[in-house]
Amino acid sequence: MIDVLYFAWVRERIGLPKERVETEAATVAELIEELKAREDRYAMAFSDLASLRVAVDQDLTDFDAPLAGAREVAFFPPMTGG
């Protein structure tokens, strides 16, 4: 089981701030594919990965990052600075 957190418009599209997911995914990309296969709202939220960032256990990483031993994955839009 892994905690999946959604922030900003990702949360709005999926309709949840967080959920606990049972997954066989070895990487973040595989987890995304599993989520997209669930329902249209997930497919819509993950339709453009270029507009998403991901953190595994609060460390910013890439979509090919391994999930072995991870407790949390967070998805959010890119941060903008001022």
PDB file of N, CA and C in Angstrom:
ATOM      1  N   MET A   1       0.843  -1.189   0.000  1.00  0.00           N
ATOM      2  CA  MET A   1       0.000   0.000   0.000  1.00  0.00           C
ATOM      3  C   MET A   1       0.877   1.238   0.000  1.00  0.00           C
ATOM      4  N   ILE A   2       0.407   2.226  -0.721  1.00  0.00           N
ATOM      5  CA  ILE A   2       1.150   3.477  -0.827  1.00  0.00           C
ATOM      6  C   ILE A   2       0.159   4.637  -0.749  1.00  0.00           C
ATOM      7  N   ASP A   3       0.554   5.713  -0.072  1.00  0.00           N
ATOM      8  CA  ASP A   3      -0.281   6.910  -0.021  1.00  0.00           C
ATOM      9  C   ASP A   3      -0.007   7.737  -1.260  1.00  0.00           C
ATOM     10  N   VAL A   4      -1.065   8.121  -1.962  1.00  0.00           N
ATOM     11  CA  VAL A   4      -0.935   8.971  -3.144  1.00  0.00           C
ATOM     12  C   VAL A   4      -1.623  10.294  -2.825  1.00  0.00           C
ATOM     13  N   LEU A   5      -0.868  11.384  -2.947  1.00  0.00           N
ATOM     14  CA  LEU A   5      -1.379  12.719  -2.650  1.00  0.00           C
ATOM     15  C   LEU A   5      -1.521  13.503  -3.939  1.00  0.00           C
ATOM     16  N   TYR A   6      -2.592  14.282  -4.017  1.00  0.00           N
ATOM     17  CA  TYR A   6      -2.872  15.104  -5.190  1.00  0.00           C
ATOM     18  C   TYR A   6      -2.998  16.558  -4.755  1.00  0.00           C
ATOM     19  N   PHE A   7      -2.352  17.467  -5.490  1.00  0.00           N
ATOM     20  CA  PHE A   7      -2.381  18.882  -5.139  1.00  0.00           C
ATOM     21  C   PHE A   7      -2.881  19.731  -6.305  1.00  0.00           C
ATOM     22  N   ALA A   8      -3.450  20.892  -5.960  1.00  0.00           N
ATOM     23  CA  ALA A   8      -3.903  21.911  -6.924  1.00  0.00           C
ATOM     24  C   ALA A   8      -4.902  21.313  -7.913  1.00  0.00           C
ATOM     25  N   TRP A   9      -4.709  21.565  -9.213  1.00  0.00           N
ATOM     26  CA  TRP A   9      -5.703  21.122 -10.199  1.00  0.00           C
ATOM     27  C   TRP A   9      -5.745  19.598 -10.329  1.00  0.00           C
ATOM     28  N   VAL A  10      -4.683  18.909  -9.939  1.00  0.00           N
ATOM     29  CA  VAL A  10      -4.706  17.441  -9.973  1.00  0.00           C
ATOM     30  C   VAL A  10      -5.762  16.951  -8.981  1.00  0.00           C
ATOM     31  N   ARG A  11      -5.763  17.536  -7.792  1.00  0.00           N
ATOM     32  CA  ARG A  11      -6.764  17.196  -6.770  1.00  0.00           C
ATOM     33  C   ARG A  11      -8.169  17.529  -7.261  1.00  0.00           C
ATOM     34  N   GLU A  12      -8.320  18.678  -7.913  1.00  0.00           N
ATOM     35  CA  GLU A  12      -9.641  19.078  -8.409  1.00  0.00           C
ATOM     36  C   GLU A  12     -10.165  18.099  -9.456  1.00  0.00           C
ATOM     37  N   ARG A  13      -9.307  17.652 -10.351  1.00  0.00           N
ATOM     38  CA  ARG A  13      -9.751  16.724 -11.405  1.00  0.00           C
ATOM     39  C   ARG A  13     -10.089  15.349 -10.855  1.00  0.00           C
ATOM     40  N   ILE A  14      -9.304  14.889  -9.896  1.00  0.00           N
ATOM     41  CA  ILE A  14      -9.539  13.554  -9.346  1.00  0.00           C
ATOM     42  C   ILE A  14     -10.623  13.583  -8.271  1.00  0.00           C
ATOM     43  N   GLY A  15     -10.712  14.698  -7.573  1.00  0.00           N
ATOM     44  CA  GLY A  15     -11.755  14.837  -6.554  1.00  0.00           C
ATOM     45  C   GLY A  15     -11.358  14.354  -5.176  1.00  0.00           C
ATOM     46  N   LEU A  16     -10.088  14.072  -4.984  1.00  0.00           N
ATOM     47  CA  LEU A  16      -9.579  13.593  -3.691  1.00  0.00           C
ATOM     48  C   LEU A  16      -8.257  14.291  -3.380  1.00  0.00           C
ATOM     49  N   PRO A  17      -8.011  14.607  -2.115  1.00  0.00           N
ATOM     50  CA  PRO A  17      -6.702  15.157  -1.767  1.00  0.00           C
ATOM     51  C   PRO A  17      -5.648  14.054  -1.612  1.00  0.00           C
ATOM     52  N   LYS A  18      -6.121  12.855  -1.229  1.00  0.00           N
ATOM     53  CA  LYS A  18      -5.180  11.741  -1.029  1.00  0.00           C
ATOM     54  C   LYS A  18      -5.956  10.438  -0.964  1.00  0.00           C
ATOM     55  N   GLU A  19      -5.267   9.358  -1.272  1.00  0.00           N
ATOM     56  CA  GLU A  19      -5.870   8.036  -1.144  1.00  0.00           C
ATOM     57  C   GLU A  19      -4.772   7.014  -0.921  1.00  0.00           C
ATOM     58  N   ARG A  20      -5.173   5.891  -0.378  1.00  0.00           N
ATOM     59  CA  ARG A  20      -4.252   4.771  -0.158  1.00  0.00           C
ATOM     60  C   ARG A  20      -4.482   3.784  -1.306  1.00  0.00           C
ATOM     61  N   VAL A  21      -3.405   3.446  -1.993  1.00  0.00           N
ATOM     62  CA  VAL A  21      -3.517   2.640  -3.206  1.00  0.00           C
ATOM     63  C   VAL A  21      -2.716   1.351  -3.057  1.00  0.00           C
ATOM     64  N   GLU A  22      -3.340   0.252  -3.427  1.00  0.00           N
ATOM     65  CA  GLU A  22      -2.632  -1.030  -3.527  1.00  0.00           C
ATOM     66  C   GLU A  22      -2.100  -1.099  -4.952  1.00  0.00           C
ATOM     67  N   THR A  23      -0.796  -1.302  -5.096  1.00  0.00           N
ATOM     68  CA  THR A  23      -0.209  -1.267  -6.427  1.00  0.00           C
ATOM     69  C   THR A  23       0.858  -2.325  -6.602  1.00  0.00           C
ATOM     70  N   GLU A  24       1.005  -2.758  -7.830  1.00  0.00           N
ATOM     71  CA  GLU A  24       2.085  -3.659  -8.219  1.00  0.00           C
ATOM     72  C   GLU A  24       3.157  -2.884  -8.989  1.00  0.00           C
ATOM     73  N   ALA A  25       2.968  -1.572  -9.129  1.00  0.00           N
ATOM     74  CA  ALA A  25       3.854  -0.740  -9.947  1.00  0.00           C
ATOM     75  C   ALA A  25       5.271  -0.720  -9.387  1.00  0.00           C
ATOM     76  N   ALA A  26       6.244  -0.819 -10.288  1.00  0.00           N
ATOM     77  CA  ALA A  26       7.647  -0.751  -9.896  1.00  0.00           C
ATOM     78  C   ALA A  26       8.178   0.677  -9.980  1.00  0.00           C
ATOM     79  N   THR A  27       7.509   1.520 -10.791  1.00  0.00           N
ATOM     80  CA  THR A  27       7.957   2.900 -10.981  1.00  0.00           C
ATOM     81  C   THR A  27       6.759   3.843 -10.886  1.00  0.00           C
ATOM     82  N   VAL A  28       7.058   5.130 -10.787  1.00  0.00           N
ATOM     83  CA  VAL A  28       5.993   6.135 -10.783  1.00  0.00           C
ATOM     84  C   VAL A  28       5.187   6.044 -12.070  1.00  0.00           C
ATOM     85  N   ALA A  29       5.861   5.876 -13.205  1.00  0.00           N
ATOM     86  CA  ALA A  29       5.167   5.794 -14.498  1.00  0.00           C
ATOM     87  C   ALA A  29       4.177   4.629 -14.525  1.00  0.00           C
ATOM     88  N   GLU A  30       4.556   3.492 -13.951  1.00  0.00           N
ATOM     89  CA  GLU A  30       3.649   2.345 -13.903  1.00  0.00           C
ATOM     90  C   GLU A  30       2.462   2.634 -12.986  1.00  0.00           C
ATOM     91  N   LEU A  31       2.702   3.333 -11.887  1.00  0.00           N
ATOM     92  CA  LEU A  31       1.614   3.725 -10.996  1.00  0.00           C
ATOM     93  C   LEU A  31       0.629   4.628 -11.736  1.00  0.00           C
ATOM     94  N   ILE A  32       1.147   5.573 -12.499  1.00  0.00           N
ATOM     95  CA  ILE A  32       0.286   6.468 -13.273  1.00  0.00           C
ATOM     96  C   ILE A  32      -0.573   5.669 -14.250  1.00  0.00           C
ATOM     97  N   GLU A  33       0.011   4.694 -14.915  1.00  0.00           N
ATOM     98  CA  GLU A  33      -0.757   3.867 -15.848  1.00  0.00           C
ATOM     99  C   GLU A  33      -1.868   3.107 -15.132  1.00  0.00           C
ATOM    100  N   GLU A  34      -1.565   2.573 -13.940  1.00  0.00           N
ATOM    101  CA  GLU A  34      -2.597   1.886 -13.153  1.00  0.00           C
ATOM    102  C   GLU A  34      -3.730   2.851 -12.782  1.00  0.00           C
ATOM    103  N   LEU A  35      -3.370   4.058 -12.358  1.00  0.00           N
ATOM    104  CA  LEU A  35      -4.382   5.039 -11.967  1.00  0.00           C
ATOM    105  C   LEU A  35      -5.218   5.458 -13.173  1.00  0.00           C
ATOM    106  N   LYS A  36      -4.566   5.700 -14.312  1.00  0.00           N
ATOM    107  CA  LYS A  36      -5.289   6.116 -15.524  1.00  0.00           C
ATOM    108  C   LYS A  36      -6.304   5.072 -15.959  1.00  0.00           C
ATOM    109  N   ALA A  37      -6.014   3.808 -15.710  1.00  0.00           N
ATOM    110  CA  ALA A  37      -6.909   2.721 -16.118  1.00  0.00           C
ATOM    111  C   ALA A  37      -8.138   2.622 -15.210  1.00  0.00           C
ATOM    112  N   ARG A  38      -8.111   3.264 -14.050  1.00  0.00           N
ATOM    113  CA  ARG A  38      -9.220   3.186 -13.100  1.00  0.00           C
ATOM    114  C   ARG A  38     -10.493   3.850 -13.613  1.00  0.00           C
ATOM    115  N   GLU A  39     -10.387   5.134 -13.925  1.00  0.00           N
ATOM    116  CA  GLU A  39     -11.562   5.940 -14.300  1.00  0.00           C
ATOM    117  C   GLU A  39     -11.119   7.087 -15.183  1.00  0.00           C
ATOM    118  N   ASP A  40     -12.078   7.678 -15.886  1.00  0.00           N
ATOM    119  CA  ASP A  40     -11.784   8.806 -16.775  1.00  0.00           C
ATOM    120  C   ASP A  40     -11.169   9.986 -16.042  1.00  0.00           C
ATOM    121  N   ARG A  41     -11.596  10.222 -14.795  1.00  0.00           N
ATOM    122  CA  ARG A  41     -11.069  11.387 -14.076  1.00  0.00           C
ATOM    123  C   ARG A  41      -9.569  11.259 -13.836  1.00  0.00           C
ATOM    124  N   TYR A  42      -9.082  10.043 -13.624  1.00  0.00           N
ATOM    125  CA  TYR A  42      -7.643   9.831 -13.475  1.00  0.00           C
ATOM    126  C   TYR A  42      -6.948   9.999 -14.827  1.00  0.00           C
ATOM    127  N   ALA A  43      -7.552   9.447 -15.862  1.00  0.00           N
ATOM    128  CA  ALA A  43      -6.974   9.579 -17.206  1.00  0.00           C
ATOM    129  C   ALA A  43      -6.844  11.046 -17.585  1.00  0.00           C
ATOM    130  N   MET A  44      -7.849  11.847 -17.238  1.00  0.00           N
ATOM    131  CA  MET A  44      -7.805  13.269 -17.542  1.00  0.00           C
ATOM    132  C   MET A  44      -6.713  13.965 -16.727  1.00  0.00           C
ATOM    133  N   ALA A  45      -6.609  13.645 -15.453  1.00  0.00           N
ATOM    134  CA  ALA A  45      -5.620  14.287 -14.590  1.00  0.00           C
ATOM    135  C   ALA A  45      -4.188  13.980 -15.028  1.00  0.00           C
ATOM    136  N   PHE A  46      -3.973  12.782 -15.567  1.00  0.00           N
ATOM    137  CA  PHE A  46      -2.628  12.367 -15.954  1.00  0.00           C
ATOM    138  C   PHE A  46      -2.418  12.373 -17.473  1.00  0.00           C
ATOM    139  N   SER A  47      -3.252  13.100 -18.193  1.00  0.00           N
ATOM    140  CA  SER A  47      -3.167  13.095 -19.662  1.00  0.00           C
ATOM    141  C   SER A  47      -1.940  13.837 -20.194  1.00  0.00           C
ATOM    142  N   ASP A  48      -1.420  14.800 -19.448  1.00  0.00           N
ATOM    143  CA  ASP A  48      -0.270  15.583 -19.910  1.00  0.00           C
ATOM    144  C   ASP A  48       0.802  15.594 -18.829  1.00  0.00           C
ATOM    145  N   LEU A  49       1.694  14.628 -18.888  1.00  0.00           N
ATOM    146  CA  LEU A  49       2.711  14.500 -17.845  1.00  0.00           C
ATOM    147  C   LEU A  49       3.707  15.656 -17.858  1.00  0.00           C
ATOM    148  N   ALA A  50       3.802  16.366 -18.973  1.00  0.00           N
ATOM    149  CA  ALA A  50       4.703  17.517 -19.036  1.00  0.00           C
ATOM    150  C   ALA A  50       4.242  18.621 -18.088  1.00  0.00           C
ATOM    151  N   SER A  51       2.962  18.602 -17.721  1.00  0.00           N
ATOM    152  CA  SER A  51       2.439  19.626 -16.809  1.00  0.00           C
ATOM    153  C   SER A  51       2.345  19.117 -15.372  1.00  0.00           C
ATOM    154  N   LEU A  52       3.032  18.029 -15.075  1.00  0.00           N
ATOM    155  CA  LEU A  52       3.018  17.444 -13.726  1.00  0.00           C
ATOM    156  C   LEU A  52       4.426  17.282 -13.177  1.00  0.00           C
ATOM    157  N   ARG A  53       4.506  17.367 -11.873  1.00  0.00           N
ATOM    158  CA  ARG A  53       5.732  17.029 -11.152  1.00  0.00           C
ATOM    159  C   ARG A  53       5.361  15.944 -10.155  1.00  0.00           C
ATOM    160  N   VAL A  54       6.377  15.205  -9.718  1.00  0.00           N
ATOM    161  CA  VAL A  54       6.130  14.109  -8.779  1.00  0.00           C
ATOM    162  C   VAL A  54       7.215  14.100  -7.702  1.00  0.00           C
ATOM    163  N   ALA A  55       6.794  13.740  -6.497  1.00  0.00           N
ATOM    164  CA  ALA A  55       7.731  13.540  -5.396  1.00  0.00           C
ATOM    165  C   ALA A  55       7.451  12.175  -4.783  1.00  0.00           C
ATOM    166  N   VAL A  56       8.508  11.445  -4.487  1.00  0.00           N
ATOM    167  CA  VAL A  56       8.397  10.156  -3.810  1.00  0.00           C
ATOM    168  C   VAL A  56       9.010  10.337  -2.425  1.00  0.00           C
ATOM    169  N   ASP A  57       8.221  10.066  -1.413  1.00  0.00           N
ATOM    170  CA  ASP A  57       8.641  10.278  -0.026  1.00  0.00           C
ATOM    171  C   ASP A  57       9.232  11.678   0.162  1.00  0.00           C
ATOM    172  N   GLN A  58       8.563  12.662  -0.409  1.00  0.00           N
ATOM    173  CA  GLN A  58       8.856  14.086  -0.297  1.00  0.00           C
ATOM    174  C   GLN A  58      10.141  14.526  -0.983  1.00  0.00           C
ATOM    175  N   ASP A  59      10.681  13.684  -1.877  1.00  0.00           N
ATOM    176  CA  ASP A  59      11.835  14.063  -2.690  1.00  0.00           C
ATOM    177  C   ASP A  59      11.392  14.197  -4.132  1.00  0.00           C
ATOM    178  N   LEU A  60      11.608  15.373  -4.725  1.00  0.00           N
ATOM    179  CA  LEU A  60      11.258  15.605  -6.115  1.00  0.00           C
ATOM    180  C   LEU A  60      12.029  14.627  -6.994  1.00  0.00           C
ATOM    181  N   THR A  61      11.330  13.987  -7.931  1.00  0.00           N
ATOM    182  CA  THR A  61      11.967  12.953  -8.737  1.00  0.00           C
ATOM    183  C   THR A  61      11.349  12.896 -10.126  1.00  0.00           C
ATOM    184  N   ASP A  62      11.746  11.900 -10.904  1.00  0.00           N
ATOM    185  CA  ASP A  62      11.237  11.707 -12.262  1.00  0.00           C
ATOM    186  C   ASP A  62      10.203  10.589 -12.272  1.00  0.00           C
ATOM    187  N   PHE A  63       9.494  10.486 -13.403  1.00  0.00           N
ATOM    188  CA  PHE A  63       8.447   9.467 -13.526  1.00  0.00           C
ATOM    189  C   PHE A  63       9.008   8.047 -13.606  1.00  0.00           C
ATOM    190  N   ASP A  64      10.304   7.920 -13.904  1.00  0.00           N
ATOM    191  CA  ASP A  64      10.900   6.580 -13.945  1.00  0.00           C
ATOM    192  C   ASP A  64      11.482   6.170 -12.592  1.00  0.00           C
ATOM    193  N   ALA A  65      11.216   6.961 -11.555  1.00  0.00           N
ATOM    194  CA  ALA A  65      11.726   6.648 -10.214  1.00  0.00           C
ATOM    195  C   ALA A  65      11.111   5.355  -9.691  1.00  0.00           C
ATOM    196  N   PRO A  66      11.927   4.525  -9.029  1.00  0.00           N
ATOM    197  CA  PRO A  66      11.405   3.278  -8.463  1.00  0.00           C
ATOM    198  C   PRO A  66      10.526   3.546  -7.246  1.00  0.00           C
ATOM    199  N   LEU A  67       9.567   2.655  -7.031  1.00  0.00           N
ATOM    200  CA  LEU A  67       8.664   2.776  -5.890  1.00  0.00           C
ATOM    201  C   LEU A  67       8.990   1.794  -4.770  1.00  0.00           C
ATOM    202  N   ALA A  68       9.986   0.954  -4.950  1.00  0.00           N
ATOM    203  CA  ALA A  68      10.327  -0.042  -3.929  1.00  0.00           C
ATOM    204  C   ALA A  68      10.595   0.650  -2.601  1.00  0.00           C
ATOM    205  N   GLY A  69       9.835   0.273  -1.587  1.00  0.00           N
ATOM    206  CA  GLY A  69      10.009   0.831  -0.257  1.00  0.00           C
ATOM    207  C   GLY A  69       9.378   2.200  -0.037  1.00  0.00           C
ATOM    208  N   ALA A  70       8.815   2.786  -1.078  1.00  0.00           N
ATOM    209  CA  ALA A  70       8.213   4.114  -0.942  1.00  0.00           C
ATOM    210  C   ALA A  70       6.917   4.039  -0.144  1.00  0.00           C
ATOM    211  N   ARG A  71       6.665   5.084   0.640  1.00  0.00           N
ATOM    212  CA  ARG A  71       5.433   5.158   1.417  1.00  0.00           C
ATOM    213  C   ARG A  71       4.456   6.168   0.843  1.00  0.00           C
ATOM    214  N   GLU A  72       4.991   7.140   0.083  1.00  0.00           N
ATOM    215  CA  GLU A  72       4.142   8.241  -0.382  1.00  0.00           C
ATOM    216  C   GLU A  72       4.595   8.733  -1.747  1.00  0.00           C
ATOM    217  N   VAL A  73       3.604   8.999  -2.608  1.00  0.00           N
ATOM    218  CA  VAL A  73       3.844   9.629  -3.905  1.00  0.00           C
ATOM    219  C   VAL A  73       2.916  10.835  -3.986  1.00  0.00           C
ATOM    220  N   ALA A  74       3.470  11.977  -4.373  1.00  0.00           N
ATOM    221  CA  ALA A  74       2.663  13.199  -4.490  1.00  0.00           C
ATOM    222  C   ALA A  74       2.754  13.738  -5.907  1.00  0.00           C
ATOM    223  N   PHE A  75       1.602  14.137  -6.444  1.00  0.00           N
ATOM    224  CA  PHE A  75       1.525  14.725  -7.787  1.00  0.00           C
ATOM    225  C   PHE A  75       1.056  16.167  -7.669  1.00  0.00           C
ATOM    226  N   PHE A  76       1.718  17.067  -8.404  1.00  0.00           N
ATOM    227  CA  PHE A  76       1.380  18.482  -8.328  1.00  0.00           C
ATOM    228  C   PHE A  76       1.853  19.189  -9.591  1.00  0.00           C
ATOM    229  N   PRO A  77       1.293  20.350  -9.895  1.00  0.00           N
ATOM    230  CA  PRO A  77       1.770  21.115 -11.046  1.00  0.00           C
ATOM    231  C   PRO A  77       3.124  21.745 -10.740  1.00  0.00           C
ATOM    232  N   PRO A  78       3.849  22.162 -11.780  1.00  0.00           N
ATOM    233  CA  PRO A  78       5.136  22.829 -11.546  1.00  0.00           C
ATOM    234  C   PRO A  78       4.938  24.082 -10.693  1.00  0.00           C
ATOM    235  N   MET A  79       5.913  24.344  -9.860  1.00  0.00           N
ATOM    236  CA  MET A  79       5.855  25.539  -9.028  1.00  0.00           C
ATOM    237  C   MET A  79       6.290  26.747  -9.855  1.00  0.00           C
ATOM    238  N   THR A  80       5.675  27.864  -9.599  1.00  0.00           N
ATOM    239  CA  THR A  80       6.092  29.097 -10.274  1.00  0.00           C
ATOM    240  C   THR A  80       6.665  30.035  -9.228  1.00  0.00           C
ATOM    241  N   GLY A  81       7.740  30.664  -9.585  1.00  0.00           N
ATOM    242  CA  GLY A  81       8.394  31.585  -8.641  1.00  0.00           C
ATOM    243  C   GLY A  81       8.034  33.022  -8.957  1.00  0.00           C
ATOM    244  N   GLY A  82       8.362  33.908  -8.042  1.00  0.00           N
ATOM    245  CA  GLY A  82       8.027  35.308  -8.259  1.00  0.00           C
ATOM    246  C   GLY A  82       9.167  36.226  -7.987  1.00  0.00           C
TER     247      GLY A  82
END
